[in-house]
Protein backbone atom coordinates (compact mmCIF):
# COMPACT_ATOMS: atom_id res chain seq x y z
CA MET A 1 0.14 -0.03 -0.05
CA LYS A 2 0.97 3.51 -0.75
CA ASN A 3 1.81 5.84 2.61
CA ASN A 4 0.34 9.07 0.92
CA VAL A 5 -3.10 9.80 0.53
CA PRO A 6 -3.59 9.55 -3.43
CA ILE A 7 -4.70 12.23 -5.28
CA CYS A 8 -7.72 11.30 -7.60
CA GLY A 9 -8.73 13.60 -10.41
CA GLU A 10 -12.17 14.76 -10.91
CA ASP A 11 -12.54 12.39 -13.63
CA ARG A 12 -11.71 9.45 -11.60
CA ILE A 13 -14.15 10.55 -8.92
CA LEU A 14 -16.93 10.83 -11.48
CA ASP A 15 -16.07 7.34 -12.84
CA VAL A 16 -16.51 5.95 -9.05
CA TRP A 17 -19.46 7.86 -8.79
CA GLN A 18 -20.95 6.28 -11.87
CA TRP A 19 -20.00 2.61 -10.98
CA CYS A 20 -21.77 3.34 -7.41
CA SER A 21 -24.89 4.56 -8.83
CA GLU A 22 -25.05 1.67 -11.31
CA ALA A 23 -24.92 -0.76 -8.68
CA TYR A 24 -27.17 1.28 -6.20
CA ILE A 25 -29.89 1.20 -9.29
CA GLN A 26 -29.78 -2.75 -9.29
CA TYR A 27 -30.97 -2.27 -5.77
CA GLY A 28 -34.11 -0.24 -6.25
CA ARG A 29 -31.57 3.15 -5.34
CA LYS A 30 -31.12 6.29 -7.10
CA LEU A 31 -27.88 8.53 -6.10
CA THR A 32 -28.23 11.78 -6.88
CA PHE A 33 -26.25 15.23 -5.95
CA PRO A 34 -28.12 17.78 -4.38
CA ALA A 35 -29.89 20.23 -6.86
CA HIS A 36 -28.74 23.64 -7.71
CA THR A 37 -25.28 22.82 -6.34
CA ASP A 38 -21.64 22.30 -7.49
CA PRO A 39 -21.54 18.37 -6.91
CA SER A 40 -17.30 18.67 -5.58
CA LYS A 41 -19.08 21.08 -3.00
CA THR A 42 -21.18 17.96 -1.57
CA TYR A 43 -20.91 15.20 0.69
CA GLN A 44 -21.74 12.81 -1.98
CA TRP A 45 -18.69 13.93 -3.62
CA ARG A 46 -16.47 13.51 -0.71
CA TYR A 47 -17.80 10.15 -0.15
CA ALA A 48 -16.96 9.17 -3.90
CA LYS A 49 -13.82 10.74 -3.42
CA ALA A 50 -12.81 8.91 -0.26
CA ILE A 51 -13.82 5.71 -1.95
CA ALA A 52 -11.85 6.65 -5.34
CA GLN A 53 -8.65 7.49 -3.39
CA LYS A 54 -9.25 3.44 -1.55
CA PHE A 55 -9.49 2.11 -5.37
CA GLU A 56 -6.16 4.10 -6.01
CA GLU A 57 -4.42 3.06 -2.51
CA TRP A 58 -5.47 -0.74 -3.51
CA ASP A 59 -4.40 -0.55 -7.02
CA PHE A 60 -7.76 -1.63 -8.15
CA ASP A 61 -8.63 -1.85 -12.08
CA GLU A 62 -12.32 -0.99 -13.06
CA PRO A 63 -13.31 -4.46 -12.97
CA THR A 64 -12.06 -5.23 -9.37
CA ALA A 65 -13.43 -1.79 -8.54
CA LYS A 66 -17.30 -2.64 -9.90
CA LYS A 67 -16.86 -6.17 -7.77
CA PHE A 68 -15.81 -4.25 -4.64
CA ILE A 69 -18.61 -1.68 -4.73
CA GLY A 70 -21.12 -4.34 -5.12
CA ILE A 71 -19.75 -6.60 -1.88
CA ALA A 72 -20.03 -2.87 0.06
CA ILE A 73 -23.60 -2.60 -0.97
CA GLU A 74 -24.32 -6.10 -0.19
CA ARG A 75 -22.87 -5.48 2.97
CA SER A 76 -24.43 -2.67 3.93
CA LYS A 77 -27.81 -4.22 3.19
CA ILE A 78 -27.18 -6.72 5.31
CA LEU A 79 -26.46 -4.12 8.09
CA GLY A 80 -29.71 -2.18 7.19
CA ILE A 81 -28.09 1.26 6.51
CA MET A 82 -28.34 1.04 3.05
CA HIS A 83 -30.30 3.95 2.52
CA LYS A 84 -27.44 6.01 3.90
CA GLY A 85 -26.14 5.99 -0.04
CA LEU A 86 -22.73 6.80 -0.14
CA ALA A 87 -22.23 7.28 3.62
CA ALA A 88 -23.09 4.06 4.69
CA LEU A 89 -20.18 2.73 3.12
CA HIS A 90 -17.97 5.03 5.44
CA GLN A 91 -19.40 3.36 8.57
CA LYS A 92 -18.36 1.22 11.24
CA ASN A 93 -14.86 0.60 8.82
CA LEU A 94 -17.03 -0.74 6.31
CA LEU A 95 -14.39 -0.45 3.58
CA ASP A 96 -11.49 -2.33 5.21
CA LEU A 97 -14.30 -5.02 6.09
CA CYS A 98 -15.48 -5.39 2.21
CA TYR A 99 -11.98 -5.10 1.19
CA LYS A 100 -11.19 -8.15 3.27
CA ILE A 101 -13.95 -9.97 2.06
CA LEU A 102 -12.98 -8.87 -1.46
CA GLN A 103 -9.36 -10.52 -0.97
CA GLU A 104 -10.75 -13.79 0.47
CA GLU A 105 -12.94 -14.18 -2.28
CA CYS A 106 -10.28 -13.30 -4.85
CA LYS A 107 -8.11 -16.36 -2.70
CA ASN A 108 -10.78 -18.56 -3.42
CA ASN A 109 -11.49 -17.97 -7.49
CA ASP A 110 -7.96 -18.57 -7.41
CA GLN A 111 -8.27 -22.03 -5.82
CA ASP A 112 -11.59 -22.56 -8.25
CA ILE A 113 -9.58 -21.71 -11.36
CA GLU A 114 -6.32 -24.24 -10.47
CA LEU A 115 -8.86 -27.09 -9.68
CA ILE A 116 -10.80 -26.47 -13.03
CA GLN A 117 -7.19 -26.47 -14.99
CA SER A 118 -6.49 -29.43 -12.80
CA THR A 119 -9.62 -31.25 -13.37
CA LYS A 120 -9.49 -30.62 -17.23
CA ASP A 121 -5.79 -31.90 -17.01
CA TRP A 122 -6.88 -35.25 -15.51
CA LEU A 123 -10.37 -35.73 -17.81
CA SER A 124 -8.44 -35.18 -20.64
CA VAL A 125 -5.64 -37.95 -19.91
CA ARG A 126 -8.82 -40.35 -19.50
CA ALA A 127 -10.61 -39.50 -22.06
CA GLN A 128 -7.09 -39.87 -24.78
CA ASN A 129 -8.35 -39.43 -27.93
CA SER A 130 -11.94 -40.49 -27.29
CA GLU A 131 -15.02 -38.36 -27.00
CA LEU A 132 -15.05 -37.19 -23.37
CA THR A 133 -18.65 -37.63 -22.82
CA GLN A 134 -18.50 -41.23 -23.97
CA ILE A 135 -16.12 -41.82 -21.70
CA LEU A 136 -18.07 -40.32 -18.97
CA LEU A 137 -21.24 -42.57 -19.92
CA ASP A 138 -18.85 -45.73 -19.72
CA ARG A 139 -18.65 -48.03 -16.67
CA ASP A 140 -17.03 -50.62 -15.13
CA ASP A 141 -19.83 -53.34 -15.46
CA PRO A 142 -23.30 -53.07 -15.99
CA ASP A 143 -24.37 -52.63 -12.32
CA SER A 144 -21.78 -49.84 -11.59
CA PHE A 145 -22.14 -46.11 -12.00
CA CYS A 146 -20.94 -44.79 -15.14
CA ASN A 147 -17.56 -42.81 -14.56
CA LEU A 148 -19.42 -39.34 -14.00
CA VAL A 149 -20.93 -40.36 -11.01
CA LYS A 150 -18.76 -42.46 -9.77
CA TRP A 151 -16.13 -39.49 -10.11
CA TYR A 152 -18.35 -36.81 -8.80
CA GLN A 153 -19.00 -38.72 -5.74
CA ALA A 154 -15.20 -39.36 -5.59
CA SER A 155 -14.40 -35.61 -5.21
CA LYS A 156 -12.73 -35.88 -8.85
CA ILE A 157 -15.40 -33.45 -10.57
CA SER A 158 -16.87 -30.27 -8.45
CA ASP A 159 -20.29 -28.70 -8.69
CA LEU A 160 -18.50 -25.89 -10.47
CA TYR A 161 -16.86 -28.04 -12.97
CA LEU A 162 -20.24 -30.02 -13.94
CA SER A 163 -21.97 -25.99 -14.04
CA LEU A 164 -19.30 -25.06 -16.88
CA SER A 165 -18.81 -28.52 -18.71
CA LYS A 166 -20.50 -28.94 -22.23
CA SER A 167 -19.54 -32.80 -22.00
CA CYS A 168 -20.53 -33.19 -18.18
CA ARG A 169 -23.86 -31.62 -18.98
CA ARG A 170 -24.40 -34.22 -22.12
CA ALA A 171 -23.35 -36.93 -20.11
CA MET A 172 -26.14 -35.73 -17.14
CA ARG A 173 -28.46 -35.37 -19.88
CA ALA A 174 -27.98 -39.03 -20.92
CA ILE A 175 -28.50 -40.26 -17.46
CA GLU A 176 -31.99 -37.97 -17.04
CA GLU A 177 -34.10 -40.46 -16.52
CA THR A 178 -32.26 -42.61 -14.02
CA ASP A 179 -31.61 -43.14 -10.29
CA GLU A 180 -27.85 -42.07 -10.88
CA ARG A 181 -28.77 -38.71 -12.25
CA THR A 182 -30.33 -37.89 -8.71
CA LEU A 183 -26.70 -38.40 -7.21
CA LEU A 184 -25.93 -35.29 -9.09
CA PRO A 185 -26.85 -31.60 -8.14
CA LYS A 186 -30.00 -30.34 -9.63
CA ALA A 187 -30.18 -28.24 -13.15
CA THR A 188 -31.04 -25.33 -11.37
CA ALA A 189 -28.46 -25.71 -8.64
CA LEU A 190 -25.91 -25.83 -11.40
CA HIS A 191 -26.70 -22.90 -13.37
CA LYS A 192 -26.45 -20.86 -10.18
CA VAL A 193 -22.84 -22.01 -9.70
CA ARG A 194 -22.02 -21.07 -13.14
CA ALA A 195 -23.91 -17.78 -13.02
CA LYS A 196 -22.40 -16.43 -9.49
CA PHE A 197 -18.77 -17.59 -11.26
CA ILE A 198 -18.83 -16.24 -14.66
CA GLU A 199 -20.06 -12.88 -13.75
CA ASP A 200 -16.71 -12.11 -12.00
CA PRO A 201 -14.61 -10.97 -15.50
CA THR A 202 -11.50 -12.19 -14.07
CA ASN A 203 -12.93 -15.59 -13.52
CA LYS A 204 -14.22 -15.34 -17.25
CA LYS A 205 -10.93 -14.66 -18.92
CA GLU A 206 -9.39 -17.19 -16.85
CA LEU A 207 -11.88 -19.55 -17.95
CA GLU A 208 -11.75 -18.79 -21.50
CA LYS A 209 -7.54 -19.00 -21.33
CA ILE A 210 -8.13 -22.99 -20.03
CA PHE A 211 -10.80 -23.96 -22.64
CA GLY A 212 -9.18 -21.97 -25.17
CA LYS A 213 -12.78 -19.88 -26.59
CA ARG A 214 -14.80 -17.27 -25.44
CA LEU A 215 -17.82 -18.38 -23.23
CA GLU A 216 -20.55 -16.36 -23.84
CA GLY A 217 -23.65 -17.98 -22.90
CA THR A 218 -22.41 -21.32 -24.23
CA LEU A 219 -20.82 -23.75 -21.82
CA CYS A 220 -17.23 -24.94 -21.79
CA GLN A 221 -15.75 -28.63 -23.48
C-alpha cells in the first residue's frame, strides 16, 4: 500500500460515482447530487472521492472496483444502512471489512481456477483421443455407476466443473431419467453456481484461457 493519500482527479471520482450509481440502481435505489449545487461541494462528492482514493491506494482496476462496490452495497444492505447511500460505505470500517471480503473471494476464485485446470487435465488423460462424454458415460460393469457419477462422488469433479462443462452436461442429460441422475446436483443449482462464477470478468477471462474459447452464453467443453 502507498503511504500517502492518493490524489484522485475529477474524472476518476466521477467514474467511481457512476459505478456506485449503477450498482445502487440494481438494488432499487438512485444516487443523486443535491439540486442547484456544485457536485464537488457536496458530501456525496466527498464520499465518492474517499472511495476513489481507496481504489487508488489498493491499485484496483475497473472490474475489481466494481466488484468491491457490489460487495460493499450488499454488506450495507445486511447491516440495514443501505438507505444512507454512499455515507453507509464509510460507517463501521465497512470499506476495510469489504476489502478483506474481496481478498478472500479472490483467493477462493484463484483456487477454483486451479481446480478447474487440474480437473480438465485429469479428464483429458482419461479420455485420451476418445470423446469425453462417452468416457463419462462408460462404466466398469453393467451394475456399476457411470464414470461421471463415480468421479463426482469421489470428488474428482466439482459442482463448478459440472456447471461449466458441456461434456458433463451432455452426460447428465443422457442419464436424466435414471436413479443415477439424482446423485448429481440439480440443473437449477448448477446454473446458479455457473452464473455466480462467470459474472466476475477475471474468472471469465481465466476460463477462456483454460478452454481456449469465448464463453458467451455457452458452456465449456
